[in-house]
Structure formats: structure tokens, C-alpha cells
């Protein structure tokens, strides 16, 4: 995971100390929204100058990231408002047609909930957006 933490420093101007603590203790899927991203494509940055980043424990994702030496930009496997797919077969054809590359891997676990989402601002505030 240390390589993931190093990568995080490359794309966020100042990672709050609270975020480091949460990341080190967290064992579940978690996405953190950070202030002041840097060195990323403009279309990834929200209008409030934030960027959501998930440090993954998934071995396939980690291997891809390590091999590319760059983060993977991704979205949920469903269009906004659609049901979250349980498996590859549940992903809509419309979404599949918009994607550059798809890995159809067997699921290691089933019924995995979506990641929690929290916003940790540089002023020390933390807001839970999805548990």
C-alpha cells in the first residue's frame, strides 16, 4: 500500500493528516474526496476544486496501477440512477459502449457494497457522504 500512498501525494496538493490516519486504519472500500488536486486532467476535477480518490486493496487493480505507474480513472459500473450491477452481465450495453477497456474477471466476493465516501477538507472538517 505504500506505493499507493506515495501516488496520492503526487495528485493532491496537501493530503490532510486526518486522511492519512483514516487510510492507515481503514479496512473497507473507501473513497475520499480531497481539496486541491494537482497534475490530473481538468475534467476529473469537480467544480469545487476537489477530487475523489480510492486507494484500492484489490490485487488486480493494484497490479495494473503498479504496471502503468499511474492511477486508473474509473466510474461506477452503472449510469447515474441505474441499479448497481452485481456482475459483469448486469452492466448495461449503453455503458459498455462508452468504455475503453473492460476486464470481465470472476468475482472474488459477491454482494460487495459500494465504497463509503467521505470528504476530508484541508480545514480539518470531515463529512460522510455515503456510509
C-alpha atoms as a PDB file:
ATOM      1  CA  UNK A   1       0.000   0.000   0.000  1.00  0.00           C
ATOM      2  CA  UNK A   2       2.944   2.317   0.471  1.00  0.00           C
ATOM      3  CA  UNK A   3       3.207   2.839  -3.296  1.00  0.00           C
ATOM      4  CA  UNK A   4      -0.463   3.926  -3.275  1.00  0.00           C
ATOM      5  CA  UNK A   5       0.230   6.461  -0.543  1.00  0.00           C
ATOM      6  CA  UNK A   6       3.182   7.849  -2.499  1.00  0.00           C
ATOM      7  CA  UNK A   7       0.965   8.149  -5.570  1.00  0.00           C
ATOM      8  CA  UNK A   8      -1.651  10.015  -3.541  1.00  0.00           C
ATOM      9  CA  UNK A   9       0.920  12.680  -2.691  1.00  0.00           C
ATOM     10  CA  UNK A  10       1.562  13.174  -6.425  1.00  0.00           C
ATOM     11  CA  UNK A  11      -2.056  14.125  -7.156  1.00  0.00           C
ATOM     12  CA  UNK A  12      -3.177  16.057  -4.084  1.00  0.00           C
ATOM     13  CA  UNK A  13      -1.546  19.373  -3.156  1.00  0.00           C
ATOM     14  CA  UNK A  14      -1.763  18.733   0.592  1.00  0.00           C
ATOM     15  CA  UNK A  15      -3.179  15.470   1.970  1.00  0.00           C
ATOM     16  CA  UNK A  16      -4.712  16.267   5.380  1.00  0.00           C
ATOM     17  CA  UNK A  17      -3.191  14.387   8.330  1.00  0.00           C
ATOM     18  CA  UNK A  18      -6.663  13.080   9.179  1.00  0.00           C
ATOM     19  CA  UNK A  19      -6.841  11.413   5.751  1.00  0.00           C
ATOM     20  CA  UNK A  20      -3.548   9.582   6.350  1.00  0.00           C
ATOM     21  CA  UNK A  21      -4.875   8.282   9.663  1.00  0.00           C
ATOM     22  CA  UNK A  22      -8.167   7.137   8.123  1.00  0.00           C
ATOM     23  CA  UNK A  23      -6.369   5.394   5.252  1.00  0.00           C
ATOM     24  CA  UNK A  24      -3.987   3.533   7.553  1.00  0.00           C
ATOM     25  CA  UNK A  25      -6.804   2.276   9.798  1.00  0.00           C
ATOM     26  CA  UNK A  26      -9.455   1.604   7.164  1.00  0.00           C
ATOM     27  CA  UNK A  27     -10.126  -1.985   6.060  1.00  0.00           C
ATOM     28  CA  UNK A  28     -13.250  -1.456   3.901  1.00  0.00           C
ATOM     29  CA  UNK A  29     -13.699   0.085   0.423  1.00  0.00           C
ATOM     30  CA  UNK A  30     -13.366   3.845   0.913  1.00  0.00           C
ATOM     31  CA  UNK A  31     -13.312   6.837  -1.402  1.00  0.00           C
ATOM     32  CA  UNK A  32     -12.004  10.124  -0.007  1.00  0.00           C
ATOM     33  CA  UNK A  33     -12.679  13.494  -1.594  1.00  0.00           C
ATOM     34  CA  UNK A  34      -9.672  15.810  -1.287  1.00  0.00           C
ATOM     35  CA  UNK A  35      -9.175  19.547  -1.765  1.00  0.00           C
ATOM     36  CA  UNK A  36      -6.777  20.970  -4.350  1.00  0.00           C
ATOM     37  CA  UNK A  37      -5.840  18.173  -6.737  1.00  0.00           C
ATOM     38  CA  UNK A  38      -2.788  18.617  -8.953  1.00  0.00           C
ATOM     39  CA  UNK A  39      -1.312  17.011 -12.072  1.00  0.00           C
ATOM     40  CA  UNK A  40      -4.598  15.463 -13.256  1.00  0.00           C
ATOM     41  CA  UNK A  41      -6.807  16.123 -16.264  1.00  0.00           C
ATOM     42  CA  UNK A  42      -9.111  19.099 -15.763  1.00  0.00           C
ATOM     43  CA  UNK A  43     -12.230  17.056 -16.483  1.00  0.00           C
ATOM     44  CA  UNK A  44     -11.525  14.938 -13.387  1.00  0.00           C
ATOM     45  CA  UNK A  45     -11.661  17.916 -11.038  1.00  0.00           C
ATOM     46  CA  UNK A  46     -15.036  18.857  -9.534  1.00  0.00           C
ATOM     47  CA  UNK A  47     -16.280  22.437  -9.756  1.00  0.00           C
ATOM     48  CA  UNK A  48     -15.316  22.976  -6.087  1.00  0.00           C
ATOM     49  CA  UNK A  49     -11.682  22.047  -6.909  1.00  0.00           C
ATOM     50  CA  UNK A  50     -11.861  18.593  -5.310  1.00  0.00           C
ATOM     51  CA  UNK A  51     -11.008  15.092  -6.487  1.00  0.00           C
ATOM     52  CA  UNK A  52     -12.341  11.747  -5.262  1.00  0.00           C
ATOM     53  CA  UNK A  53      -9.685   9.045  -4.871  1.00  0.00           C
ATOM     54  CA  UNK A  54      -9.987   5.451  -3.736  1.00  0.00           C
ATOM     55  CA  UNK A  55      -6.858   3.601  -2.622  1.00  0.00           C
ATOM     56  CA  UNK A  56      -7.628   0.010  -3.548  1.00  0.00           C
ATOM     57  CA  UNK A  57      -6.663  -3.288  -1.964  1.00  0.00           C
ATOM     58  CA  UNK A  58      -7.800  -5.291  -4.999  1.00  0.00           C
ATOM     59  CA  UNK A  59      -4.796  -7.281  -6.287  1.00  0.00           C
ATOM     60  CA  UNK A  60      -5.752  -6.955  -9.986  1.00  0.00           C
ATOM     61  CA  UNK A  61      -6.238  -3.182  -9.737  1.00  0.00           C
ATOM     62  CA  UNK A  62      -3.032  -2.803  -7.738  1.00  0.00           C
ATOM     63  CA  UNK A  63      -1.076  -4.801 -10.344  1.00  0.00           C
ATOM     64  CA  UNK A  64      -2.473  -2.648 -13.170  1.00  0.00           C
ATOM     65  CA  UNK A  65      -1.647   0.563 -11.328  1.00  0.00           C
ATOM     66  CA  UNK A  66       1.838  -0.672 -10.494  1.00  0.00           C
ATOM     67  CA  UNK A  67       2.432  -1.756 -14.105  1.00  0.00           C
ATOM     68  CA  UNK A  68       1.150   1.512 -15.555  1.00  0.00           C
ATOM     69  CA  UNK A  69       2.791   3.572 -12.805  1.00  0.00           C
ATOM     70  CA  UNK A  70      -0.300   5.750 -12.967  1.00  0.00           C
ATOM     71  CA  UNK A  71      -3.706   5.695 -11.310  1.00  0.00           C
ATOM     72  CA  UNK A  72      -6.732   4.247 -13.042  1.00  0.00           C
ATOM     73  CA  UNK A  73      -9.583   6.651 -13.720  1.00  0.00           C
ATOM     74  CA  UNK A  74     -12.883   4.927 -13.271  1.00  0.00           C
ATOM     75  CA  UNK A  75     -16.503   5.413 -12.500  1.00  0.00           C
ATOM     76  CA  UNK A  76     -19.154   3.144 -11.100  1.00  0.00           C
ATOM     77  CA  UNK A  77     -20.213   0.299 -13.375  1.00  0.00           C
ATOM     78  CA  UNK A  78     -23.608   1.892 -13.859  1.00  0.00           C
ATOM     79  CA  UNK A  79     -25.041   5.094 -15.256  1.00  0.00           C
ATOM     80  CA  UNK A  80     -26.346   7.582 -12.723  1.00  0.00           C
ATOM     81  CA  UNK A  81     -29.687   6.453 -11.359  1.00  0.00           C
ATOM     82  CA  UNK A  82     -29.318   2.857 -12.543  1.00  0.00           C
ATOM     83  CA  UNK A  83     -29.097  -0.131 -10.227  1.00  0.00           C
ATOM     84  CA  UNK A  84     -25.558  -1.132  -9.196  1.00  0.00           C
ATOM     85  CA  UNK A  85     -24.586  -4.244 -11.171  1.00  0.00           C
ATOM     86  CA  UNK A  86     -23.798  -7.415  -9.248  1.00  0.00           C
ATOM     87  CA  UNK A  87     -21.723  -8.950 -12.039  1.00  0.00           C
ATOM     88  CA  UNK A  88     -20.379  -8.217 -15.496  1.00  0.00           C
ATOM     89  CA  UNK A  89     -23.568  -9.435 -17.151  1.00  0.00           C
ATOM     90  CA  UNK A  90     -25.558  -6.769 -15.263  1.00  0.00           C
ATOM     91  CA  UNK A  91     -23.607  -3.837 -16.757  1.00  0.00           C
ATOM     92  CA  UNK A  92     -25.743  -2.063 -19.337  1.00  0.00           C
ATOM     93  CA  UNK A  93     -24.775  -2.284 -23.015  1.00  0.00           C
ATOM     94  CA  UNK A  94     -25.025   1.506 -23.200  1.00  0.00           C
ATOM     95  CA  UNK A  95     -22.314   1.883 -20.565  1.00  0.00           C
ATOM     96  CA  UNK A  96     -20.132  -0.845 -22.110  1.00  0.00           C
ATOM     97  CA  UNK A  97     -20.232   1.037 -25.427  1.00  0.00           C
ATOM     98  CA  UNK A  98     -18.706   4.124 -23.755  1.00  0.00           C
ATOM     99  CA  UNK A  99     -15.764   2.350 -22.110  1.00  0.00           C
ATOM    100  CA  UNK A 100     -12.224   1.990 -23.482  1.00  0.00           C
ATOM    101  CA  UNK A 101     -11.359  -1.294 -21.743  1.00  0.00           C
ATOM    102  CA  UNK A 102     -13.327  -3.804 -19.681  1.00  0.00           C
ATOM    103  CA  UNK A 103     -11.971  -6.654 -17.548  1.00  0.00           C
ATOM    104  CA  UNK A 104     -14.504  -9.440 -17.078  1.00  0.00           C
ATOM    105  CA  UNK A 105     -12.947 -11.164 -14.067  1.00  0.00           C
ATOM    106  CA  UNK A 106     -14.611 -13.678 -11.774  1.00  0.00           C
ATOM    107  CA  UNK A 107     -15.819 -12.047  -8.587  1.00  0.00           C
ATOM    108  CA  UNK A 108     -13.775 -12.924  -5.523  1.00  0.00           C
ATOM    109  CA  UNK A 109     -16.680 -11.841  -3.339  1.00  0.00           C
ATOM    110  CA  UNK A 110     -20.356 -11.383  -4.041  1.00  0.00           C
ATOM    111  CA  UNK A 111     -22.685  -8.707  -2.740  1.00  0.00           C
ATOM    112  CA  UNK A 112     -19.816  -6.304  -2.076  1.00  0.00           C
ATOM    113  CA  UNK A 113     -21.307  -2.943  -1.082  1.00  0.00           C
ATOM    114  CA  UNK A 114     -20.156   0.234  -2.837  1.00  0.00           C
ATOM    115  CA  UNK A 115     -17.347   2.129  -1.137  1.00  0.00           C
ATOM    116  CA  UNK A 116     -18.014   4.580   1.628  1.00  0.00           C
ATOM    117  CA  UNK A 117     -17.397   8.166   0.568  1.00  0.00           C
ATOM    118  CA  UNK A 118     -16.063  10.855   2.876  1.00  0.00           C
ATOM    119  CA  UNK A 119     -14.837  14.371   2.221  1.00  0.00           C
ATOM    120  CA  UNK A 120     -11.819  15.420   4.252  1.00  0.00           C
ATOM    121  CA  UNK A 121     -11.065  19.088   3.753  1.00  0.00           C
ATOM    122  CA  UNK A 122      -7.801  20.860   4.431  1.00  0.00           C
ATOM    123  CA  UNK A 123      -9.532  22.947   7.107  1.00  0.00           C
ATOM    124  CA  UNK A 124      -9.979  19.788   9.215  1.00  0.00           C
ATOM    125  CA  UNK A 125     -13.636  19.144   8.503  1.00  0.00           C
ATOM    126  CA  UNK A 126     -14.840  15.684   7.597  1.00  0.00           C
ATOM    127  CA  UNK A 127     -18.217  14.866   6.083  1.00  0.00           C
ATOM    128  CA  UNK A 128     -19.596  11.378   5.480  1.00  0.00           C
ATOM    129  CA  UNK A 129     -21.374  11.356   2.108  1.00  0.00           C
ATOM    130  CA  UNK A 130     -22.108   7.605   1.887  1.00  0.00           C
ATOM    131  CA  UNK A 131     -21.679   5.004   4.619  1.00  0.00           C
END
